[in-house]
Amino acid sequence: KTRYMSGGQIGGQIVFRGPNGAAARVGAQHSQDYSAWYANVPGLKVIAPYDSADAKGLLKAAIRDPNPIVFLEHEMMYGTEFDVPEGDWVVPIGKAKVRRQGKDVTITAHSRMVGLALKAAEELAAQGIDAEVIDLRTLRPLDHDTIIESVKKTHRIVATEEGWGPMGVGAEIVARVNEHAFDELDAPPARVHQEDVPLP
């Protein structure tokens, strides 16, 4: 809150990066998605990239940003390989990416869930359902406009996350859709999330 409390006279420029989400063969205290916890704090920017290009571009943007930033990396993706753009590749903070165009339903996801959402979209395509997949990339600020525009096109939304459902990222997305695009919906918003228990 330093920049806010000082009227912008004192910076709070720092990037905290580290693993987030489920891990393999460890106890519940090592398998937890903190996305919603951090995203609840005004003044704190929260980034959760899916692939290496976004990780590089968003980390560069985070380092150059004058605000404190939490940069969440999914531990189970550390061994996954993606192409990485060369040079001064920078991705804007607060801008989601439409990973797959679709017309029948919008699926939102971040971090490792993006890959699972894309797989789900392929399975839906085999059933004749054309899903649009939005990679949130940044949770705070959340790219409200991209989500709402997609819902206006597909008229349905499924908000996915690895975190728990109560007070989660998906809950925020569904609340915004209900508030700003309720009349566009042809079906109730749906959510996919972890069971409301510590991960066994």
C-alpha atoms as a PDB file:
ATOM      1  CA  LYS A   1       0.000   0.000   0.000  1.00  0.00           C
ATOM      2  CA  THR A   2       3.091   2.259   0.049  1.00  0.00           C
ATOM      3  CA  ARG A   3       2.431   4.106  -3.227  1.00  0.00           C
ATOM      4  CA  TYR A   4      -1.212   4.707  -2.293  1.00  0.00           C
ATOM      5  CA  MET A   5      -0.484   5.920   1.236  1.00  0.00           C
ATOM      6  CA  SER A   6       2.277   8.264   0.043  1.00  0.00           C
ATOM      7  CA  GLY A   7       0.261   9.677  -2.830  1.00  0.00           C
ATOM      8  CA  GLY A   8       2.694   8.126  -5.301  1.00  0.00           C
ATOM      9  CA  GLN A   9       5.774   9.714  -3.722  1.00  0.00           C
ATOM     10  CA  ILE A  10       7.247   6.430  -2.489  1.00  0.00           C
ATOM     11  CA  GLY A  11       7.437   3.392  -4.752  1.00  0.00           C
ATOM     12  CA  GLY A  12       6.806  -0.185  -3.758  1.00  0.00           C
ATOM     13  CA  GLN A  13       8.541  -1.785  -6.707  1.00  0.00           C
ATOM     14  CA  ILE A  14       9.173  -5.452  -5.963  1.00  0.00           C
ATOM     15  CA  VAL A  15       8.365  -8.763  -7.648  1.00  0.00           C
ATOM     16  CA  PHE A  16       7.737 -11.885  -5.584  1.00  0.00           C
ATOM     17  CA  ARG A  17       7.883 -14.985  -7.769  1.00  0.00           C
ATOM     18  CA  GLY A  18       7.524 -18.613  -6.843  1.00  0.00           C
ATOM     19  CA  PRO A  19       5.631 -21.899  -7.174  1.00  0.00           C
ATOM     20  CA  ASN A  20       1.875 -22.078  -6.716  1.00  0.00           C
ATOM     21  CA  GLY A  21      -0.803 -24.733  -6.986  1.00  0.00           C
ATOM     22  CA  ALA A  22      -0.752 -28.485  -6.609  1.00  0.00           C
ATOM     23  CA  ALA A  23       2.556 -30.318  -6.384  1.00  0.00           C
ATOM     24  CA  ALA A  24       3.422 -33.979  -6.812  1.00  0.00           C
ATOM     25  CA  ARG A  25       3.675 -36.473  -3.920  1.00  0.00           C
ATOM     26  CA  VAL A  26       3.735 -33.923  -1.098  1.00  0.00           C
ATOM     27  CA  GLY A  27       1.447 -32.974   1.791  1.00  0.00           C
ATOM     28  CA  ALA A  28      -1.486 -30.582   1.687  1.00  0.00           C
ATOM     29  CA  GLN A  29       0.602 -27.639   2.920  1.00  0.00           C
ATOM     30  CA  HIS A  30       2.617 -27.828  -0.324  1.00  0.00           C
ATOM     31  CA  SER A  31      -0.381 -28.120  -2.663  1.00  0.00           C
ATOM     32  CA  GLN A  32      -2.409 -24.960  -2.544  1.00  0.00           C
ATOM     33  CA  ASP A  33      -3.462 -22.323  -5.051  1.00  0.00           C
ATOM     34  CA  TYR A  34      -3.026 -18.855  -3.536  1.00  0.00           C
ATOM     35  CA  SER A  35      -4.329 -16.953  -6.569  1.00  0.00           C
ATOM     36  CA  ALA A  36      -7.517 -15.688  -4.941  1.00  0.00           C
ATOM     37  CA  TRP A  37      -5.745 -14.814  -1.676  1.00  0.00           C
ATOM     38  CA  TYR A  38      -3.317 -12.458  -3.374  1.00  0.00           C
ATOM     39  CA  ALA A  39      -5.836 -11.107  -5.886  1.00  0.00           C
ATOM     40  CA  ASN A  40      -8.000  -9.900  -2.992  1.00  0.00           C
ATOM     41  CA  VAL A  41      -5.492  -7.151  -2.085  1.00  0.00           C
ATOM     42  CA  PRO A  42      -5.888  -3.696  -3.695  1.00  0.00           C
ATOM     43  CA  GLY A  43      -2.569  -2.346  -4.949  1.00  0.00           C
ATOM     44  CA  LEU A  44      -1.054  -5.796  -5.416  1.00  0.00           C
ATOM     45  CA  LYS A  45      -0.834  -7.058  -8.990  1.00  0.00           C
ATOM     46  CA  VAL A  46      -1.109 -10.815  -9.493  1.00  0.00           C
ATOM     47  CA  ILE A  47       0.242 -12.651 -12.522  1.00  0.00           C
ATOM     48  CA  ALA A  48      -0.224 -16.361 -13.315  1.00  0.00           C
ATOM     49  CA  PRO A  49       1.146 -17.260 -16.781  1.00  0.00           C
ATOM     50  CA  TYR A  50       0.598 -20.529 -18.633  1.00  0.00           C
ATOM     51  CA  ASP A  51       3.416 -20.795 -21.176  1.00  0.00           C
ATOM     52  CA  SER A  52       7.054 -19.718 -21.412  1.00  0.00           C
ATOM     53  CA  ALA A  53       6.429 -16.801 -23.776  1.00  0.00           C
ATOM     54  CA  ASP A  54       3.974 -15.222 -21.363  1.00  0.00           C
ATOM     55  CA  ALA A  55       6.209 -16.028 -18.402  1.00  0.00           C
ATOM     56  CA  LYS A  56       9.086 -14.172 -20.036  1.00  0.00           C
ATOM     57  CA  GLY A  57       7.018 -11.246 -21.281  1.00  0.00           C
ATOM     58  CA  LEU A  58       5.032 -10.781 -18.084  1.00  0.00           C
ATOM     59  CA  LEU A  59       8.088 -11.098 -15.841  1.00  0.00           C
ATOM     60  CA  LYS A  60       9.803  -8.351 -17.820  1.00  0.00           C
ATOM     61  CA  ALA A  61       6.696  -6.188 -17.523  1.00  0.00           C
ATOM     62  CA  ALA A  62       6.496  -6.928 -13.789  1.00  0.00           C
ATOM     63  CA  ILE A  63      10.095  -5.899 -13.146  1.00  0.00           C
ATOM     64  CA  ARG A  64       9.463  -2.592 -14.934  1.00  0.00           C
ATOM     65  CA  ASP A  65       6.193  -1.910 -13.115  1.00  0.00           C
ATOM     66  CA  PRO A  66       6.314   0.488 -10.124  1.00  0.00           C
ATOM     67  CA  ASN A  67       3.879  -1.619  -8.074  1.00  0.00           C
ATOM     68  CA  PRO A  68       4.416  -4.718  -5.925  1.00  0.00           C
ATOM     69  CA  ILE A  69       3.665  -7.850  -7.919  1.00  0.00           C
ATOM     70  CA  VAL A  70       3.151 -11.512  -7.060  1.00  0.00           C
ATOM     71  CA  PHE A  71       4.241 -13.722  -9.953  1.00  0.00           C
ATOM     72  CA  LEU A  72       2.747 -17.209  -9.573  1.00  0.00           C
ATOM     73  CA  GLU A  73       4.361 -20.146 -11.385  1.00  0.00           C
ATOM     74  CA  HIS A  74       2.783 -23.582 -11.348  1.00  0.00           C
ATOM     75  CA  GLU A  75       5.257 -26.034  -9.850  1.00  0.00           C
ATOM     76  CA  MET A  76       4.022 -28.949 -11.957  1.00  0.00           C
ATOM     77  CA  MET A  77       4.770 -26.999 -15.145  1.00  0.00           C
ATOM     78  CA  TYR A  78       8.456 -26.385 -14.459  1.00  0.00           C
ATOM     79  CA  GLY A  79       9.349 -29.355 -16.700  1.00  0.00           C
ATOM     80  CA  THR A  80       7.003 -28.357 -19.544  1.00  0.00           C
ATOM     81  CA  GLU A  81       8.652 -26.863 -22.628  1.00  0.00           C
ATOM     82  CA  PHE A  82       7.280 -24.085 -24.810  1.00  0.00           C
ATOM     83  CA  ASP A  83       8.811 -21.795 -27.420  1.00  0.00           C
ATOM     84  CA  VAL A  84      10.325 -18.602 -26.018  1.00  0.00           C
ATOM     85  CA  PRO A  85      10.472 -15.415 -28.135  1.00  0.00           C
ATOM     86  CA  GLU A  86      13.915 -13.859 -28.444  1.00  0.00           C
ATOM     87  CA  GLY A  87      14.800 -10.276 -27.646  1.00  0.00           C
ATOM     88  CA  ASP A  88      12.992  -7.795 -25.435  1.00  0.00           C
ATOM     89  CA  TRP A  89       9.666  -9.655 -25.411  1.00  0.00           C
ATOM     90  CA  VAL A  90       7.200  -7.875 -23.113  1.00  0.00           C
ATOM     91  CA  VAL A  91       3.560  -8.822 -22.485  1.00  0.00           C
ATOM     92  CA  PRO A  92       1.219  -6.158 -21.058  1.00  0.00           C
ATOM     93  CA  ILE A  93      -0.032  -6.739 -17.522  1.00  0.00           C
ATOM     94  CA  GLY A  94      -3.812  -6.921 -17.257  1.00  0.00           C
ATOM     95  CA  LYS A  95      -4.517  -8.258 -20.746  1.00  0.00           C
ATOM     96  CA  ALA A  96      -5.991 -11.745 -21.179  1.00  0.00           C
ATOM     97  CA  LYS A  97      -5.279 -13.896 -24.234  1.00  0.00           C
ATOM     98  CA  VAL A  98      -7.888 -15.759 -26.255  1.00  0.00           C
ATOM     99  CA  ARG A  99      -6.124 -19.099 -26.732  1.00  0.00           C
ATOM    100  CA  ARG A 100      -8.908 -20.651 -28.783  1.00  0.00           C
ATOM    101  CA  GLN A 101     -11.707 -18.937 -30.671  1.00  0.00           C
ATOM    102  CA  GLY A 102     -15.188 -20.364 -30.223  1.00  0.00           C
ATOM    103  CA  LYS A 103     -18.870 -19.489 -30.496  1.00  0.00           C
ATOM    104  CA  ASP A 104     -20.767 -21.822 -28.133  1.00  0.00           C
ATOM    105  CA  VAL A 105     -19.241 -21.374 -24.665  1.00  0.00           C
ATOM    106  CA  THR A 106     -16.501 -19.341 -22.969  1.00  0.00           C
ATOM    107  CA  ILE A 107     -14.012 -21.140 -20.721  1.00  0.00           C
ATOM    108  CA  THR A 108     -11.760 -19.000 -18.517  1.00  0.00           C
ATOM    109  CA  ALA A 109      -8.586 -20.368 -16.943  1.00  0.00           C
ATOM    110  CA  HIS A 110      -5.171 -19.373 -15.655  1.00  0.00           C
ATOM    111  CA  SER A 111      -1.827 -21.062 -15.075  1.00  0.00           C
ATOM    112  CA  ARG A 112      -1.853 -24.870 -15.517  1.00  0.00           C
ATOM    113  CA  MET A 113      -5.635 -24.923 -15.942  1.00  0.00           C
ATOM    114  CA  VAL A 114      -5.239 -23.296 -19.372  1.00  0.00           C
ATOM    115  CA  GLY A 115      -3.783 -26.516 -20.774  1.00  0.00           C
ATOM    116  CA  LEU A 116      -6.613 -28.544 -19.251  1.00  0.00           C
ATOM    117  CA  ALA A 117      -9.190 -26.083 -20.608  1.00  0.00           C
ATOM    118  CA  LEU A 118      -7.713 -26.426 -24.094  1.00  0.00           C
ATOM    119  CA  LYS A 119      -7.929 -30.221 -23.831  1.00  0.00           C
ATOM    120  CA  ALA A 120     -11.541 -29.927 -22.669  1.00  0.00           C
ATOM    121  CA  ALA A 121     -12.266 -27.669 -25.646  1.00  0.00           C
ATOM    122  CA  GLU A 122     -10.900 -30.328 -28.014  1.00  0.00           C
ATOM    123  CA  GLU A 123     -13.132 -32.968 -26.409  1.00  0.00           C
ATOM    124  CA  LEU A 124     -16.109 -30.625 -26.707  1.00  0.00           C
ATOM    125  CA  ALA A 125     -15.288 -30.014 -30.375  1.00  0.00           C
ATOM    126  CA  ALA A 126     -15.639 -33.739 -30.995  1.00  0.00           C
ATOM    127  CA  GLN A 127     -19.189 -33.381 -29.657  1.00  0.00           C
ATOM    128  CA  GLY A 128     -19.934 -30.422 -31.902  1.00  0.00           C
ATOM    129  CA  ILE A 129     -19.477 -27.762 -29.194  1.00  0.00           C
ATOM    130  CA  ASP A 130     -17.207 -24.866 -30.157  1.00  0.00           C
ATOM    131  CA  ALA A 131     -15.532 -23.535 -26.977  1.00  0.00           C
ATOM    132  CA  GLU A 132     -13.613 -20.297 -26.650  1.00  0.00           C
ATOM    133  CA  VAL A 133     -10.727 -20.512 -24.169  1.00  0.00           C
ATOM    134  CA  ILE A 134      -9.508 -17.365 -22.410  1.00  0.00           C
ATOM    135  CA  ASP A 135      -6.138 -17.438 -20.645  1.00  0.00           C
ATOM    136  CA  LEU A 136      -6.522 -14.806 -17.926  1.00  0.00           C
ATOM    137  CA  ARG A 137      -2.723 -14.414 -17.492  1.00  0.00           C
ATOM    138  CA  THR A 138      -3.235 -11.617 -14.967  1.00  0.00           C
ATOM    139  CA  LEU A 139      -5.678 -11.993 -12.071  1.00  0.00           C
ATOM    140  CA  ARG A 140      -5.326  -8.471 -10.747  1.00  0.00           C
ATOM    141  CA  PRO A 141      -5.986  -6.416 -12.707  1.00  0.00           C
ATOM    142  CA  LEU A 142      -8.441  -8.820 -14.334  1.00  0.00           C
ATOM    143  CA  ASP A 143      -9.187  -8.281 -18.026  1.00  0.00           C
ATOM    144  CA  HIS A 144     -12.882  -7.672 -17.509  1.00  0.00           C
ATOM    145  CA  ASP A 145     -13.554  -6.502 -21.066  1.00  0.00           C
ATOM    146  CA  THR A 146     -12.209  -9.603 -22.826  1.00  0.00           C
ATOM    147  CA  ILE A 147     -14.336 -11.882 -20.631  1.00  0.00           C
ATOM    148  CA  ILE A 148     -17.536  -9.878 -21.114  1.00  0.00           C
ATOM    149  CA  GLU A 149     -17.053  -9.562 -24.881  1.00  0.00           C
ATOM    150  CA  SER A 150     -16.558 -13.312 -25.142  1.00  0.00           C
ATOM    151  CA  VAL A 151     -19.718 -14.015 -23.145  1.00  0.00           C
ATOM    152  CA  LYS A 152     -21.663 -11.668 -25.400  1.00  0.00           C
ATOM    153  CA  LYS A 153     -20.536 -13.840 -28.306  1.00  0.00           C
ATOM    154  CA  THR A 154     -20.971 -17.330 -26.777  1.00  0.00           C
ATOM    155  CA  HIS A 155     -23.776 -16.615 -24.264  1.00  0.00           C
ATOM    156  CA  ARG A 156     -22.334 -19.176 -21.827  1.00  0.00           C
ATOM    157  CA  ILE A 157     -19.389 -19.290 -19.423  1.00  0.00           C
ATOM    158  CA  VAL A 158     -17.487 -21.913 -17.454  1.00  0.00           C
ATOM    159  CA  ALA A 159     -14.938 -20.400 -15.042  1.00  0.00           C
ATOM    160  CA  THR A 160     -12.197 -22.889 -14.173  1.00  0.00           C
ATOM    161  CA  GLU A 161      -9.461 -22.752 -11.557  1.00  0.00           C
ATOM    162  CA  GLU A 162      -7.299 -25.043  -9.469  1.00  0.00           C
ATOM    163  CA  GLY A 163      -8.162 -23.177  -6.278  1.00  0.00           C
ATOM    164  CA  TRP A 164     -11.117 -23.730  -4.001  1.00  0.00           C
ATOM    165  CA  GLY A 165     -14.543 -22.538  -5.049  1.00  0.00           C
ATOM    166  CA  PRO A 166     -15.631 -20.325  -2.122  1.00  0.00           C
ATOM    167  CA  MET A 167     -14.425 -16.740  -2.632  1.00  0.00           C
ATOM    168  CA  GLY A 168     -12.352 -17.905  -5.592  1.00  0.00           C
ATOM    169  CA  VAL A 169     -11.234 -16.424  -8.897  1.00  0.00           C
ATOM    170  CA  GLY A 170     -14.164 -18.136 -10.628  1.00  0.00           C
ATOM    171  CA  ALA A 171     -16.573 -16.622  -8.121  1.00  0.00           C
ATOM    172  CA  GLU A 172     -15.306 -13.154  -9.054  1.00  0.00           C
ATOM    173  CA  ILE A 173     -15.625 -13.864 -12.772  1.00  0.00           C
ATOM    174  CA  VAL A 174     -19.170 -15.217 -12.426  1.00  0.00           C
ATOM    175  CA  ALA A 175     -20.153 -12.199 -10.303  1.00  0.00           C
ATOM    176  CA  ARG A 176     -18.872  -9.827 -12.990  1.00  0.00           C
ATOM    177  CA  VAL A 177     -20.626 -11.712 -15.773  1.00  0.00           C
ATOM    178  CA  ASN A 178     -23.903 -11.666 -13.821  1.00  0.00           C
ATOM    179  CA  GLU A 179     -23.525  -7.951 -13.204  1.00  0.00           C
ATOM    180  CA  HIS A 180     -22.422  -6.850 -16.671  1.00  0.00           C
ATOM    181  CA  ALA A 181     -23.717  -9.485 -19.106  1.00  0.00           C
ATOM    182  CA  PHE A 182     -26.646 -11.196 -17.385  1.00  0.00           C
ATOM    183  CA  ASP A 183     -29.043 -10.569 -20.268  1.00  0.00           C
ATOM    184  CA  GLU A 184     -26.541 -12.153 -22.670  1.00  0.00           C
ATOM    185  CA  LEU A 185     -26.576 -15.518 -20.864  1.00  0.00           C
ATOM    186  CA  ASP A 186     -28.488 -18.485 -22.291  1.00  0.00           C
ATOM    187  CA  ALA A 187     -27.536 -20.712 -19.341  1.00  0.00           C
ATOM    188  CA  PRO A 188     -26.410 -20.214 -15.737  1.00  0.00           C
ATOM    189  CA  PRO A 189     -22.650 -19.621 -15.348  1.00  0.00           C
ATOM    190  CA  ALA A 190     -20.778 -22.761 -14.308  1.00  0.00           C
ATOM    191  CA  ARG A 191     -17.602 -23.199 -12.259  1.00  0.00           C
ATOM    192  CA  VAL A 192     -14.950 -25.901 -12.136  1.00  0.00           C
ATOM    193  CA  HIS A 193     -12.677 -25.876  -9.088  1.00  0.00           C
ATOM    194  CA  GLN A 194     -10.969 -28.004  -6.486  1.00  0.00           C
ATOM    195  CA  GLU A 195     -12.951 -29.789  -3.787  1.00  0.00           C
ATOM    196  CA  ASP A 196     -13.365 -27.606  -0.702  1.00  0.00           C
ATOM    197  CA  VAL A 197     -10.884 -29.628   1.356  1.00  0.00           C
ATOM    198  CA  PRO A 198      -7.070 -29.633   1.749  1.00  0.00           C
ATOM    199  CA  LEU A 199      -5.530 -31.505  -1.178  1.00  0.00           C
ATOM    200  CA  PRO A 200      -4.797 -35.087   0.004  1.00  0.00           C
END
